[in-house]
Amino acid sequence: KLKNTMQKGNINVKTENIFPIIKKFLYSDHEIFLRELVSNAVDATQKLKMLSSMGQYQGELGDVTIEINLDKKKKTLTISDKGVGMTAEEIDKYINQIAFSG
């Protein structure tokens, strides 16, 4: 029988410390990296829709389609969205979730 020895607490992670780890271990796998970029675009688009529904975005939503374009000549893949990214405060608030999410 296992003893419950887990403890709860807080961890303070600075962005300059965690992003090199994320880059090395998460983004070195191209499939995971691409999935993460598309997921970020979806999150940004959903945030824009939410802000609009709450009356905090006054502009026209227009087409919120996420576009993925491949340029074989330039050997580039471009992911474009018209969403809203995270603020510095949101990054500070959610950095622990980013660091420990599976």
N, C-alpha and C. Protein backbone atom coordinates (compact mmCIF):
# COMPACT_ATOMS: atom_id res chain seq x y z
N LYS A 1 0.85 -1.18 0.00
CA LYS A 1 0.00 0.00 0.00
C LYS A 1 0.89 1.24 0.00
N LEU A 2 0.57 2.17 -0.89
CA LEU A 2 1.36 3.39 -1.00
C LEU A 2 0.89 4.43 0.00
N LYS A 3 1.85 5.11 0.59
CA LYS A 3 1.53 6.21 1.48
C LYS A 3 1.34 7.47 0.65
N ASN A 4 0.41 8.28 1.05
CA ASN A 4 0.21 9.55 0.38
C ASN A 4 1.21 10.54 0.94
N THR A 5 2.31 10.73 0.22
CA THR A 5 3.35 11.64 0.68
C THR A 5 3.42 12.90 -0.17
N MET A 6 2.44 13.08 -1.05
CA MET A 6 2.44 14.26 -1.91
C MET A 6 2.13 15.49 -1.09
N GLN A 7 2.88 16.54 -1.36
CA GLN A 7 2.65 17.81 -0.69
C GLN A 7 2.24 18.85 -1.72
N LYS A 8 1.43 19.78 -1.27
CA LYS A 8 1.02 20.87 -2.15
C LYS A 8 1.82 22.10 -1.81
N GLY A 9 2.04 22.91 -2.83
CA GLY A 9 2.78 24.15 -2.63
C GLY A 9 2.77 24.96 -3.89
N ASN A 10 3.45 26.06 -3.86
CA ASN A 10 3.55 26.94 -5.02
C ASN A 10 4.96 26.91 -5.56
N ILE A 11 5.06 27.15 -6.84
CA ILE A 11 6.36 27.26 -7.47
C ILE A 11 6.37 28.54 -8.28
N ASN A 12 7.47 29.26 -8.24
CA ASN A 12 7.59 30.50 -8.98
C ASN A 12 8.62 30.28 -10.08
N VAL A 13 8.14 30.28 -11.31
CA VAL A 13 9.02 30.03 -12.45
C VAL A 13 9.12 31.31 -13.27
N LYS A 14 10.32 31.73 -13.55
CA LYS A 14 10.56 32.92 -14.37
C LYS A 14 10.61 32.50 -15.84
N THR A 15 10.08 33.34 -16.72
CA THR A 15 10.03 33.00 -18.13
C THR A 15 11.41 32.76 -18.72
N GLU A 16 12.40 33.52 -18.27
CA GLU A 16 13.74 33.33 -18.82
C GLU A 16 14.34 31.99 -18.43
N ASN A 17 13.80 31.34 -17.38
CA ASN A 17 14.28 30.03 -16.95
C ASN A 17 13.53 28.88 -17.61
N ILE A 18 12.24 29.06 -17.86
CA ILE A 18 11.43 27.94 -18.35
C ILE A 18 11.43 27.83 -19.86
N PHE A 19 11.51 28.93 -20.59
CA PHE A 19 11.42 28.85 -22.05
C PHE A 19 12.56 28.08 -22.70
N PRO A 20 13.80 28.16 -22.21
CA PRO A 20 14.84 27.29 -22.80
C PRO A 20 14.52 25.81 -22.62
N ILE A 21 13.91 25.45 -21.51
CA ILE A 21 13.53 24.06 -21.26
C ILE A 21 12.42 23.65 -22.23
N ILE A 22 11.42 24.52 -22.38
CA ILE A 22 10.33 24.24 -23.30
C ILE A 22 10.88 24.09 -24.72
N LYS A 23 11.76 24.99 -25.10
CA LYS A 23 12.34 24.95 -26.45
C LYS A 23 13.10 23.66 -26.69
N LYS A 24 13.89 23.25 -25.74
CA LYS A 24 14.73 22.07 -25.92
C LYS A 24 13.92 20.78 -25.94
N PHE A 25 13.02 20.61 -24.99
CA PHE A 25 12.35 19.33 -24.83
C PHE A 25 11.00 19.24 -25.53
N LEU A 26 10.31 20.33 -25.71
CA LEU A 26 9.00 20.29 -26.35
C LEU A 26 9.10 20.59 -27.83
N TYR A 27 9.77 21.66 -28.16
CA TYR A 27 9.79 22.11 -29.54
C TYR A 27 10.83 21.41 -30.40
N SER A 28 11.64 20.54 -29.84
CA SER A 28 12.59 19.80 -30.67
C SER A 28 11.89 18.70 -31.47
N ASP A 29 10.70 18.29 -31.05
CA ASP A 29 9.89 17.33 -31.80
C ASP A 29 8.98 18.12 -32.74
N HIS A 30 9.22 18.02 -34.04
CA HIS A 30 8.51 18.86 -35.01
C HIS A 30 7.01 18.67 -34.99
N GLU A 31 6.52 17.45 -34.78
CA GLU A 31 5.07 17.23 -34.75
C GLU A 31 4.44 17.91 -33.54
N ILE A 32 5.10 17.82 -32.40
CA ILE A 32 4.59 18.48 -31.19
C ILE A 32 4.65 19.99 -31.37
N PHE A 33 5.73 20.48 -31.95
CA PHE A 33 5.89 21.91 -32.18
C PHE A 33 4.78 22.46 -33.07
N LEU A 34 4.50 21.77 -34.18
CA LEU A 34 3.44 22.21 -35.09
C LEU A 34 2.08 22.18 -34.40
N ARG A 35 1.80 21.12 -33.67
CA ARG A 35 0.53 21.01 -32.94
C ARG A 35 0.40 22.14 -31.92
N GLU A 36 1.48 22.49 -31.26
CA GLU A 36 1.47 23.58 -30.27
C GLU A 36 1.20 24.93 -30.94
N LEU A 37 1.80 25.16 -32.10
CA LEU A 37 1.55 26.42 -32.82
C LEU A 37 0.10 26.55 -33.26
N VAL A 38 -0.47 25.46 -33.77
CA VAL A 38 -1.88 25.49 -34.18
C VAL A 38 -2.77 25.67 -32.95
N SER A 39 -2.44 25.00 -31.87
CA SER A 39 -3.20 25.13 -30.63
C SER A 39 -3.15 26.57 -30.12
N ASN A 40 -1.99 27.21 -30.21
CA ASN A 40 -1.86 28.60 -29.79
C ASN A 40 -2.73 29.52 -30.65
N ALA A 41 -2.78 29.23 -31.95
CA ALA A 41 -3.62 30.03 -32.86
C ALA A 41 -5.10 29.86 -32.50
N VAL A 42 -5.50 28.64 -32.18
CA VAL A 42 -6.89 28.39 -31.77
C VAL A 42 -7.20 29.15 -30.48
N ASP A 43 -6.28 29.08 -29.51
CA ASP A 43 -6.48 29.80 -28.24
C ASP A 43 -6.63 31.30 -28.47
N ALA A 44 -5.78 31.86 -29.33
CA ALA A 44 -5.83 33.30 -29.60
C ALA A 44 -7.14 33.68 -30.28
N THR A 45 -7.62 32.84 -31.17
CA THR A 45 -8.88 33.09 -31.86
C THR A 45 -10.06 32.99 -30.90
N GLN A 46 -10.03 31.97 -30.03
CA GLN A 46 -11.10 31.81 -29.04
C GLN A 46 -11.13 33.00 -28.07
N LYS A 47 -9.94 33.50 -27.71
CA LYS A 47 -9.88 34.65 -26.81
C LYS A 47 -10.52 35.86 -27.47
N LEU A 48 -10.24 36.08 -28.75
CA LEU A 48 -10.84 37.20 -29.46
C LEU A 48 -12.36 37.08 -29.48
N LYS A 49 -12.87 35.87 -29.75
CA LYS A 49 -14.32 35.65 -29.76
C LYS A 49 -14.92 35.92 -28.39
N MET A 50 -14.23 35.48 -27.33
CA MET A 50 -14.72 35.68 -25.97
C MET A 50 -14.77 37.17 -25.64
N LEU A 51 -13.68 37.89 -25.95
CA LEU A 51 -13.64 39.33 -25.67
C LEU A 51 -14.74 40.05 -26.44
N SER A 52 -14.99 39.63 -27.66
CA SER A 52 -16.04 40.24 -28.47
C SER A 52 -17.41 39.99 -27.85
N SER A 53 -17.66 38.77 -27.39
CA SER A 53 -18.96 38.45 -26.79
C SER A 53 -19.19 39.18 -25.47
N MET A 54 -18.09 39.55 -24.80
CA MET A 54 -18.19 40.28 -23.53
C MET A 54 -18.22 41.79 -23.75
N GLY A 55 -18.14 42.23 -25.02
CA GLY A 55 -18.16 43.65 -25.31
C GLY A 55 -16.83 44.33 -25.10
N GLN A 56 -15.76 43.56 -24.92
CA GLN A 56 -14.44 44.15 -24.67
C GLN A 56 -13.62 44.30 -25.95
N TYR A 57 -14.17 43.86 -27.06
CA TYR A 57 -13.53 44.05 -28.36
C TYR A 57 -14.57 44.70 -29.26
N GLN A 58 -14.26 45.88 -29.73
CA GLN A 58 -15.24 46.67 -30.48
C GLN A 58 -15.13 46.49 -31.99
N GLY A 59 -14.04 45.91 -32.48
CA GLY A 59 -13.86 45.77 -33.92
C GLY A 59 -14.74 44.68 -34.51
N GLU A 60 -14.66 44.54 -35.81
CA GLU A 60 -15.39 43.50 -36.53
C GLU A 60 -14.57 42.22 -36.47
N LEU A 61 -15.20 41.11 -36.09
CA LEU A 61 -14.47 39.84 -36.01
C LEU A 61 -14.01 39.38 -37.40
N GLY A 62 -14.88 39.49 -38.37
CA GLY A 62 -14.51 39.05 -39.71
C GLY A 62 -14.20 37.56 -39.74
N ASP A 63 -13.36 37.18 -40.65
CA ASP A 63 -12.98 35.77 -40.83
C ASP A 63 -11.91 35.40 -39.80
N VAL A 64 -12.24 34.48 -38.92
CA VAL A 64 -11.27 34.07 -37.89
C VAL A 64 -10.66 32.70 -38.20
N THR A 65 -10.65 32.37 -39.48
CA THR A 65 -10.06 31.11 -39.91
C THR A 65 -8.56 31.13 -39.67
N ILE A 66 -8.04 30.03 -39.19
CA ILE A 66 -6.60 29.87 -39.03
C ILE A 66 -6.06 29.32 -40.34
N GLU A 67 -5.07 30.00 -40.90
CA GLU A 67 -4.51 29.58 -42.17
C GLU A 67 -3.15 28.94 -41.98
N ILE A 68 -2.91 27.86 -42.70
CA ILE A 68 -1.61 27.20 -42.69
C ILE A 68 -1.14 27.14 -44.15
N ASN A 69 -0.04 27.81 -44.43
CA ASN A 69 0.48 27.88 -45.79
C ASN A 69 1.88 27.28 -45.86
N LEU A 70 2.08 26.47 -46.87
CA LEU A 70 3.36 25.83 -47.12
C LEU A 70 3.98 26.45 -48.37
N ASP A 71 5.21 26.91 -48.24
CA ASP A 71 5.96 27.42 -49.38
C ASP A 71 7.14 26.48 -49.59
N LYS A 72 7.00 25.59 -50.56
CA LYS A 72 8.03 24.59 -50.80
C LYS A 72 9.34 25.21 -51.28
N LYS A 73 9.24 26.29 -52.08
CA LYS A 73 10.45 26.94 -52.56
C LYS A 73 11.27 27.52 -51.42
N LYS A 74 10.61 28.23 -50.53
CA LYS A 74 11.29 28.85 -49.39
C LYS A 74 11.49 27.88 -48.23
N LYS A 75 10.83 26.71 -48.32
CA LYS A 75 10.86 25.71 -47.26
C LYS A 75 10.37 26.30 -45.94
N THR A 76 9.20 26.97 -46.05
CA THR A 76 8.60 27.56 -44.85
C THR A 76 7.16 27.09 -44.69
N LEU A 77 6.72 27.09 -43.47
CA LEU A 77 5.34 26.80 -43.10
C LEU A 77 4.87 27.99 -42.27
N THR A 78 3.79 28.64 -42.70
CA THR A 78 3.30 29.83 -42.01
C THR A 78 1.92 29.54 -41.44
N ILE A 79 1.77 29.80 -40.15
CA ILE A 79 0.47 29.66 -39.47
C ILE A 79 0.01 31.06 -39.11
N SER A 80 -1.15 31.46 -39.62
CA SER A 80 -1.66 32.82 -39.41
C SER A 80 -3.02 32.78 -38.73
N ASP A 81 -3.19 33.67 -37.75
CA ASP A 81 -4.49 33.83 -37.11
C ASP A 81 -4.71 35.31 -36.86
N LYS A 82 -5.95 35.66 -36.55
CA LYS A 82 -6.29 37.05 -36.27
C LYS A 82 -6.72 37.20 -34.82
N GLY A 83 -6.22 36.32 -33.98
CA GLY A 83 -6.61 36.30 -32.58
C GLY A 83 -5.80 37.25 -31.72
N VAL A 84 -5.99 37.10 -30.42
CA VAL A 84 -5.36 37.95 -29.42
C VAL A 84 -4.46 37.08 -28.56
N GLY A 85 -3.20 37.46 -28.43
CA GLY A 85 -2.26 36.70 -27.61
C GLY A 85 -2.40 37.00 -26.13
N MET A 86 -1.53 36.39 -25.36
CA MET A 86 -1.54 36.57 -23.91
C MET A 86 -0.86 37.88 -23.52
N THR A 87 -1.38 38.50 -22.47
CA THR A 87 -0.73 39.68 -21.92
C THR A 87 0.41 39.22 -21.00
N ALA A 88 1.27 40.14 -20.62
CA ALA A 88 2.36 39.81 -19.69
C ALA A 88 1.80 39.27 -18.37
N GLU A 89 0.69 39.84 -17.93
CA GLU A 89 0.07 39.38 -16.68
C GLU A 89 -0.44 37.95 -16.81
N GLU A 90 -1.03 37.63 -17.97
CA GLU A 90 -1.52 36.26 -18.19
C GLU A 90 -0.37 35.27 -18.26
N ILE A 91 0.73 35.66 -18.85
CA ILE A 91 1.90 34.78 -18.90
C ILE A 91 2.38 34.49 -17.49
N ASP A 92 2.51 35.53 -16.66
CA ASP A 92 2.93 35.32 -15.28
C ASP A 92 1.96 34.41 -14.53
N LYS A 93 0.66 34.60 -14.77
CA LYS A 93 -0.36 33.81 -14.08
C LYS A 93 -0.34 32.35 -14.50
N TYR A 94 -0.14 32.08 -15.79
CA TYR A 94 -0.28 30.72 -16.31
C TYR A 94 1.04 30.00 -16.58
N ILE A 95 2.17 30.60 -16.28
CA ILE A 95 3.46 29.98 -16.62
C ILE A 95 3.64 28.64 -15.91
N ASN A 96 3.15 28.50 -14.71
CA ASN A 96 3.28 27.23 -14.01
C ASN A 96 2.47 26.14 -14.72
N GLN A 97 1.28 26.48 -15.23
CA GLN A 97 0.47 25.51 -15.96
C GLN A 97 1.17 25.09 -17.24
N ILE A 98 1.80 26.05 -17.93
CA ILE A 98 2.53 25.74 -19.15
C ILE A 98 3.69 24.82 -18.84
N ALA A 99 4.40 25.10 -17.76
CA ALA A 99 5.59 24.32 -17.41
C ALA A 99 5.26 22.89 -17.03
N PHE A 100 4.10 22.67 -16.43
CA PHE A 100 3.80 21.34 -15.91
C PHE A 100 2.68 20.62 -16.63
N SER A 101 2.18 21.20 -17.73
CA SER A 101 1.13 20.51 -18.46
C SER A 101 1.74 19.38 -19.26
N GLY A 102 0.98 18.32 -19.44
CA GLY A 102 1.50 17.16 -20.15
C GLY A 102 1.09 17.19 -21.54
